[in-house]
């Protein structure tokens, strides 16, 4: 059976995200108006995206309830802390004020190149990272994203190895994180025919 979202218009997908409580009415209204102005609200999701997973990622990013870690560049050697701070701030903005990130800096680490030190809701966090020139250490987010959970809300991502139609090497999908209540995330991603990597299993 085809995923439910295969039959949806963009407007219907936005309605579903709102129904599940994964975005506020204001967030959905703003994005809805953008699509309406472009005469795209009634277009099928697959008319504008190459796949349902890509459509899901695009909508969640536009709604401000998901963020992606850059896979090609974004880090200036010598200013790594600034680059990681920007991404962590993107994550914080997705939570509607539930998450606060402050005091981001790099420090020495016994095993890795460096560690990323920051305060998450006034709790100290320490993420080991490898310095990779202009590239982010993507594994730092894979291994550390659960530190940014705000129960009952969690972060999750698409399991590209287990989801039909996903390219396991699609870094855009692999490194995009959704924020929401676990049950709601699971229902939405089931609608889109994909599996989640952690909390939604």
C-alpha atoms as a PDB file:
ATOM      1  CA  UNK A   1       0.000   0.000   0.000  1.00  0.00           C
ATOM      2  CA  UNK A   2       1.331   3.432  -0.964  1.00  0.00           C
ATOM      3  CA  UNK A   3       2.056   5.881   1.871  1.00  0.00           C
ATOM      4  CA  UNK A   4      -0.830   8.246   2.614  1.00  0.00           C
ATOM      5  CA  UNK A   5       1.215  11.289   1.638  1.00  0.00           C
ATOM      6  CA  UNK A   6       1.592   9.950  -1.913  1.00  0.00           C
ATOM      7  CA  UNK A   7      -1.975  11.158  -2.506  1.00  0.00           C
ATOM      8  CA  UNK A   8      -1.695  14.466  -0.652  1.00  0.00           C
ATOM      9  CA  UNK A   9      -1.441  18.003  -1.872  1.00  0.00           C
ATOM     10  CA  UNK A  10       0.932  20.377  -0.119  1.00  0.00           C
ATOM     11  CA  UNK A  11      -2.022  21.881   1.711  1.00  0.00           C
ATOM     12  CA  UNK A  12      -3.145  18.493   2.996  1.00  0.00           C
ATOM     13  CA  UNK A  13       0.358  17.712   4.234  1.00  0.00           C
ATOM     14  CA  UNK A  14       0.500  21.016   6.128  1.00  0.00           C
ATOM     15  CA  UNK A  15      -2.903  20.264   7.650  1.00  0.00           C
ATOM     16  CA  UNK A  16      -1.644  16.870   8.831  1.00  0.00           C
ATOM     17  CA  UNK A  17       1.440  18.378  10.456  1.00  0.00           C
ATOM     18  CA  UNK A  18      -0.781  20.859  12.288  1.00  0.00           C
ATOM     19  CA  UNK A  19      -3.230  18.139  13.311  1.00  0.00           C
ATOM     20  CA  UNK A  20      -0.388  16.170  14.909  1.00  0.00           C
ATOM     21  CA  UNK A  21       0.757  19.214  16.858  1.00  0.00           C
ATOM     22  CA  UNK A  22       4.217  19.253  15.274  1.00  0.00           C
ATOM     23  CA  UNK A  23       3.906  22.905  14.249  1.00  0.00           C
ATOM     24  CA  UNK A  24       1.851  25.809  15.543  1.00  0.00           C
ATOM     25  CA  UNK A  25      -1.094  27.298  13.691  1.00  0.00           C
ATOM     26  CA  UNK A  26       0.956  30.451  13.087  1.00  0.00           C
ATOM     27  CA  UNK A  27       3.824  28.479  11.558  1.00  0.00           C
ATOM     28  CA  UNK A  28       1.477  26.538   9.303  1.00  0.00           C
ATOM     29  CA  UNK A  29      -0.467  29.664   8.306  1.00  0.00           C
ATOM     30  CA  UNK A  30       2.722  31.461   7.251  1.00  0.00           C
ATOM     31  CA  UNK A  31       3.949  28.593   5.080  1.00  0.00           C
ATOM     32  CA  UNK A  32       0.440  27.995   3.706  1.00  0.00           C
ATOM     33  CA  UNK A  33       0.258  31.610   2.564  1.00  0.00           C
ATOM     34  CA  UNK A  34       3.631  31.318   0.817  1.00  0.00           C
ATOM     35  CA  UNK A  35       2.409  28.300  -1.145  1.00  0.00           C
ATOM     36  CA  UNK A  36      -0.924  29.976  -1.877  1.00  0.00           C
ATOM     37  CA  UNK A  37       0.836  33.032  -3.308  1.00  0.00           C
ATOM     38  CA  UNK A  38       2.783  30.740  -5.604  1.00  0.00           C
ATOM     39  CA  UNK A  39      -0.352  28.834  -6.630  1.00  0.00           C
ATOM     40  CA  UNK A  40       1.275  25.677  -5.257  1.00  0.00           C
ATOM     41  CA  UNK A  41      -0.959  24.851  -2.295  1.00  0.00           C
ATOM     42  CA  UNK A  42      -3.103  22.422  -4.288  1.00  0.00           C
ATOM     43  CA  UNK A  43      -0.238  20.787  -6.142  1.00  0.00           C
ATOM     44  CA  UNK A  44       0.577  17.185  -5.333  1.00  0.00           C
ATOM     45  CA  UNK A  45       3.610  16.858  -3.062  1.00  0.00           C
ATOM     46  CA  UNK A  46       5.438  14.847  -5.684  1.00  0.00           C
ATOM     47  CA  UNK A  47       4.940  17.549  -8.318  1.00  0.00           C
ATOM     48  CA  UNK A  48       7.568  19.711  -6.638  1.00  0.00           C
ATOM     49  CA  UNK A  49       9.820  17.200  -4.834  1.00  0.00           C
ATOM     50  CA  UNK A  50      11.741  14.211  -6.092  1.00  0.00           C
ATOM     51  CA  UNK A  51      10.424  11.940  -3.323  1.00  0.00           C
ATOM     52  CA  UNK A  52       8.155  11.900  -0.281  1.00  0.00           C
ATOM     53  CA  UNK A  53      11.107  11.950   2.162  1.00  0.00           C
ATOM     54  CA  UNK A  54      12.460  15.064   0.461  1.00  0.00           C
ATOM     55  CA  UNK A  55       9.001  16.648   0.587  1.00  0.00           C
ATOM     56  CA  UNK A  56       8.798  15.918   4.314  1.00  0.00           C
ATOM     57  CA  UNK A  57      12.211  17.428   4.998  1.00  0.00           C
ATOM     58  CA  UNK A  58      11.373  20.513   2.932  1.00  0.00           C
ATOM     59  CA  UNK A  59       8.090  21.132   4.763  1.00  0.00           C
ATOM     60  CA  UNK A  60       9.569  20.633   8.229  1.00  0.00           C
ATOM     61  CA  UNK A  61      12.415  23.008   7.433  1.00  0.00           C
ATOM     62  CA  UNK A  62      10.056  25.662   6.071  1.00  0.00           C
ATOM     63  CA  UNK A  63       7.873  25.329   9.156  1.00  0.00           C
ATOM     64  CA  UNK A  64      10.889  25.807  11.395  1.00  0.00           C
ATOM     65  CA  UNK A  65      10.559  22.483  13.227  1.00  0.00           C
ATOM     66  CA  UNK A  66      13.569  20.761  11.722  1.00  0.00           C
ATOM     67  CA  UNK A  67      17.137  21.622  10.787  1.00  0.00           C
ATOM     68  CA  UNK A  68      19.893  20.169   8.661  1.00  0.00           C
ATOM     69  CA  UNK A  69      23.601  19.990   9.357  1.00  0.00           C
ATOM     70  CA  UNK A  70      25.606  21.256   6.393  1.00  0.00           C
ATOM     71  CA  UNK A  71      27.162  18.455   4.397  1.00  0.00           C
ATOM     72  CA  UNK A  72      29.405  20.408   2.050  1.00  0.00           C
ATOM     73  CA  UNK A  73      30.774  23.430   3.876  1.00  0.00           C
ATOM     74  CA  UNK A  74      29.900  25.991   6.520  1.00  0.00           C
ATOM     75  CA  UNK A  75      32.953  25.829   8.763  1.00  0.00           C
ATOM     76  CA  UNK A  76      35.738  28.372   8.603  1.00  0.00           C
ATOM     77  CA  UNK A  77      38.990  26.874   9.925  1.00  0.00           C
ATOM     78  CA  UNK A  78      39.930  28.801  13.032  1.00  0.00           C
ATOM     79  CA  UNK A  79      36.305  29.771  13.709  1.00  0.00           C
ATOM     80  CA  UNK A  80      34.819  26.327  14.267  1.00  0.00           C
ATOM     81  CA  UNK A  81      33.003  27.322  17.452  1.00  0.00           C
ATOM     82  CA  UNK A  82      31.055  29.989  15.542  1.00  0.00           C
ATOM     83  CA  UNK A  83      29.946  27.467  12.920  1.00  0.00           C
ATOM     84  CA  UNK A  84      28.782  24.923  15.461  1.00  0.00           C
ATOM     85  CA  UNK A  85      27.076  27.631  17.477  1.00  0.00           C
ATOM     86  CA  UNK A  86      25.070  28.673  14.409  1.00  0.00           C
ATOM     87  CA  UNK A  87      23.821  25.121  13.851  1.00  0.00           C
ATOM     88  CA  UNK A  88      22.981  24.641  17.521  1.00  0.00           C
ATOM     89  CA  UNK A  89      21.056  27.913  17.451  1.00  0.00           C
ATOM     90  CA  UNK A  90      19.127  26.606  14.438  1.00  0.00           C
ATOM     91  CA  UNK A  91      18.189  23.604  16.571  1.00  0.00           C
ATOM     92  CA  UNK A  92      17.109  25.806  19.461  1.00  0.00           C
ATOM     93  CA  UNK A  93      14.878  27.888  17.178  1.00  0.00           C
ATOM     94  CA  UNK A  94      13.027  24.733  16.144  1.00  0.00           C
ATOM     95  CA  UNK A  95      11.817  24.155  19.707  1.00  0.00           C
ATOM     96  CA  UNK A  96       9.713  27.281  20.158  1.00  0.00           C
ATOM     97  CA  UNK A  97      11.678  28.410  23.175  1.00  0.00           C
ATOM     98  CA  UNK A  98      11.942  25.029  24.907  1.00  0.00           C
ATOM     99  CA  UNK A  99      15.681  24.849  24.260  1.00  0.00           C
ATOM    100  CA  UNK A 100      18.351  27.429  24.984  1.00  0.00           C
ATOM    101  CA  UNK A 101      21.938  27.062  23.766  1.00  0.00           C
ATOM    102  CA  UNK A 102      24.642  29.328  25.206  1.00  0.00           C
ATOM    103  CA  UNK A 103      28.387  29.549  25.850  1.00  0.00           C
ATOM    104  CA  UNK A 104      29.523  27.542  22.819  1.00  0.00           C
ATOM    105  CA  UNK A 105      33.282  27.052  22.675  1.00  0.00           C
ATOM    106  CA  UNK A 106      35.942  24.524  21.741  1.00  0.00           C
ATOM    107  CA  UNK A 107      38.168  22.825  24.279  1.00  0.00           C
ATOM    108  CA  UNK A 108      40.842  20.122  24.332  1.00  0.00           C
ATOM    109  CA  UNK A 109      39.924  16.446  24.353  1.00  0.00           C
ATOM    110  CA  UNK A 110      42.094  13.452  25.279  1.00  0.00           C
ATOM    111  CA  UNK A 111      40.793  11.186  22.501  1.00  0.00           C
ATOM    112  CA  UNK A 112      39.460  13.442  19.715  1.00  0.00           C
ATOM    113  CA  UNK A 113      40.842  16.578  18.085  1.00  0.00           C
ATOM    114  CA  UNK A 114      38.679  18.807  20.240  1.00  0.00           C
ATOM    115  CA  UNK A 115      35.441  18.867  22.147  1.00  0.00           C
ATOM    116  CA  UNK A 116      32.500  21.196  21.742  1.00  0.00           C
ATOM    117  CA  UNK A 117      31.455  22.707  25.056  1.00  0.00           C
ATOM    118  CA  UNK A 118      28.126  24.460  25.525  1.00  0.00           C
ATOM    119  CA  UNK A 119      25.227  24.987  27.878  1.00  0.00           C
ATOM    120  CA  UNK A 120      21.899  23.387  26.959  1.00  0.00           C
ATOM    121  CA  UNK A 121      19.113  24.754  29.154  1.00  0.00           C
ATOM    122  CA  UNK A 122      21.845  25.660  31.647  1.00  0.00           C
ATOM    123  CA  UNK A 123      23.180  22.092  31.677  1.00  0.00           C
ATOM    124  CA  UNK A 124      26.798  21.626  30.499  1.00  0.00           C
ATOM    125  CA  UNK A 125      27.328  19.491  27.400  1.00  0.00           C
ATOM    126  CA  UNK A 126      30.561  18.103  25.993  1.00  0.00           C
ATOM    127  CA  UNK A 127      30.626  16.716  22.452  1.00  0.00           C
ATOM    128  CA  UNK A 128      33.889  15.247  21.104  1.00  0.00           C
ATOM    129  CA  UNK A 129      34.483  16.447  17.546  1.00  0.00           C
ATOM    130  CA  UNK A 130      37.023  15.945  14.823  1.00  0.00           C
ATOM    131  CA  UNK A 131      38.190  19.052  12.992  1.00  0.00           C
ATOM    132  CA  UNK A 132      37.585  18.548   9.270  1.00  0.00           C
ATOM    133  CA  UNK A 133      38.489  21.825   7.644  1.00  0.00           C
ATOM    134  CA  UNK A 134      35.398  23.426   6.127  1.00  0.00           C
ATOM    135  CA  UNK A 135      33.223  20.384   6.939  1.00  0.00           C
ATOM    136  CA  UNK A 136      31.164  19.676  10.048  1.00  0.00           C
ATOM    137  CA  UNK A 137      31.756  16.532  12.074  1.00  0.00           C
ATOM    138  CA  UNK A 138      28.387  14.990  11.249  1.00  0.00           C
ATOM    139  CA  UNK A 139      28.860  12.122  13.705  1.00  0.00           C
ATOM    140  CA  UNK A 140      28.958  14.620  16.564  1.00  0.00           C
ATOM    141  CA  UNK A 141      25.302  15.384  15.876  1.00  0.00           C
ATOM    142  CA  UNK A 142      24.341  11.742  15.281  1.00  0.00           C
ATOM    143  CA  UNK A 143      25.805  10.778  18.644  1.00  0.00           C
ATOM    144  CA  UNK A 144      24.869  13.909  20.564  1.00  0.00           C
ATOM    145  CA  UNK A 145      21.440  14.958  19.296  1.00  0.00           C
ATOM    146  CA  UNK A 146      19.656  13.187  22.162  1.00  0.00           C
ATOM    147  CA  UNK A 147      21.361  15.629  24.534  1.00  0.00           C
ATOM    148  CA  UNK A 148      19.086  18.285  23.016  1.00  0.00           C
ATOM    149  CA  UNK A 149      15.846  16.449  23.844  1.00  0.00           C
ATOM    150  CA  UNK A 150      13.278  18.382  25.883  1.00  0.00           C
ATOM    151  CA  UNK A 151      10.967  15.647  27.230  1.00  0.00           C
ATOM    152  CA  UNK A 152       8.459  14.711  26.077  1.00  0.00           C
ATOM    153  CA  UNK A 153       9.798  16.256  22.872  1.00  0.00           C
ATOM    154  CA  UNK A 154      12.690  14.558  21.117  1.00  0.00           C
ATOM    155  CA  UNK A 155      14.873  14.830  18.036  1.00  0.00           C
ATOM    156  CA  UNK A 156      14.830  12.195  15.349  1.00  0.00           C
ATOM    157  CA  UNK A 157      15.895  11.640  11.755  1.00  0.00           C
ATOM    158  CA  UNK A 158      15.026   9.447   8.799  1.00  0.00           C
ATOM    159  CA  UNK A 159      16.600   6.000   8.762  1.00  0.00           C
ATOM    160  CA  UNK A 160      17.759   6.038   5.148  1.00  0.00           C
ATOM    161  CA  UNK A 161      19.017   2.445   5.415  1.00  0.00           C
ATOM    162  CA  UNK A 162      15.593   1.062   6.360  1.00  0.00           C
ATOM    163  CA  UNK A 163      13.226   3.392   4.496  1.00  0.00           C
ATOM    164  CA  UNK A 164      11.969   2.310   1.085  1.00  0.00           C
ATOM    165  CA  UNK A 165      12.955   4.624  -1.731  1.00  0.00           C
ATOM    166  CA  UNK A 166      15.695   6.387   0.227  1.00  0.00           C
ATOM    167  CA  UNK A 167      19.257   6.544  -0.975  1.00  0.00           C
ATOM    168  CA  UNK A 168      21.366   5.471   2.041  1.00  0.00           C
ATOM    169  CA  UNK A 169      24.015   7.967   0.943  1.00  0.00           C
ATOM    170  CA  UNK A 170      21.649  10.929   0.678  1.00  0.00           C
ATOM    171  CA  UNK A 171      23.327  13.247   3.165  1.00  0.00           C
ATOM    172  CA  UNK A 172      20.496  15.790   2.991  1.00  0.00           C
ATOM    173  CA  UNK A 173      18.107  13.206   4.424  1.00  0.00           C
ATOM    174  CA  UNK A 174      20.549  11.499   6.773  1.00  0.00           C
ATOM    175  CA  UNK A 175      21.552  14.732   8.477  1.00  0.00           C
ATOM    176  CA  UNK A 176      18.185  16.393   8.904  1.00  0.00           C
ATOM    177  CA  UNK A 177      16.606  16.366  12.369  1.00  0.00           C
ATOM    178  CA  UNK A 178      12.938  16.723  13.313  1.00  0.00           C
ATOM    179  CA  UNK A 179      11.672  17.992  16.676  1.00  0.00           C
ATOM    180  CA  UNK A 180       8.445  16.825  18.259  1.00  0.00           C
ATOM    181  CA  UNK A 181       6.567  14.390  20.450  1.00  0.00           C
ATOM    182  CA  UNK A 182       7.705  10.831  19.602  1.00  0.00           C
ATOM    183  CA  UNK A 183       4.254   9.444  18.817  1.00  0.00           C
ATOM    184  CA  UNK A 184       3.418  12.344  16.526  1.00  0.00           C
ATOM    185  CA  UNK A 185       6.730  12.036  14.697  1.00  0.00           C
ATOM    186  CA  UNK A 186       6.141   8.326  14.206  1.00  0.00           C
ATOM    187  CA  UNK A 187       2.651   8.888  12.790  1.00  0.00           C
ATOM    188  CA  UNK A 188       3.834  11.600  10.405  1.00  0.00           C
ATOM    189  CA  UNK A 189       6.790   9.676   9.071  1.00  0.00           C
ATOM    190  CA  UNK A 190       4.588   6.592   8.639  1.00  0.00           C
ATOM    191  CA  UNK A 191       2.290   8.779   6.526  1.00  0.00           C
ATOM    192  CA  UNK A 192       5.332   9.606   4.393  1.00  0.00           C
ATOM    193  CA  UNK A 193       6.512   6.006   4.176  1.00  0.00           C
ATOM    194  CA  UNK A 194       9.770   6.397   6.078  1.00  0.00           C
ATOM    195  CA  UNK A 195      11.164   4.983   9.311  1.00  0.00           C
ATOM    196  CA  UNK A 196      12.851   6.944  12.066  1.00  0.00           C
ATOM    197  CA  UNK A 197      16.306   6.253  13.361  1.00  0.00           C
ATOM    198  CA  UNK A 198      15.771   6.441  17.107  1.00  0.00           C
ATOM    199  CA  UNK A 199      12.701   7.449  19.098  1.00  0.00           C
ATOM    200  CA  UNK A 200      10.130   6.618  16.471  1.00  0.00           C
ATOM    201  CA  UNK A 201      10.997   2.937  16.238  1.00  0.00           C
END
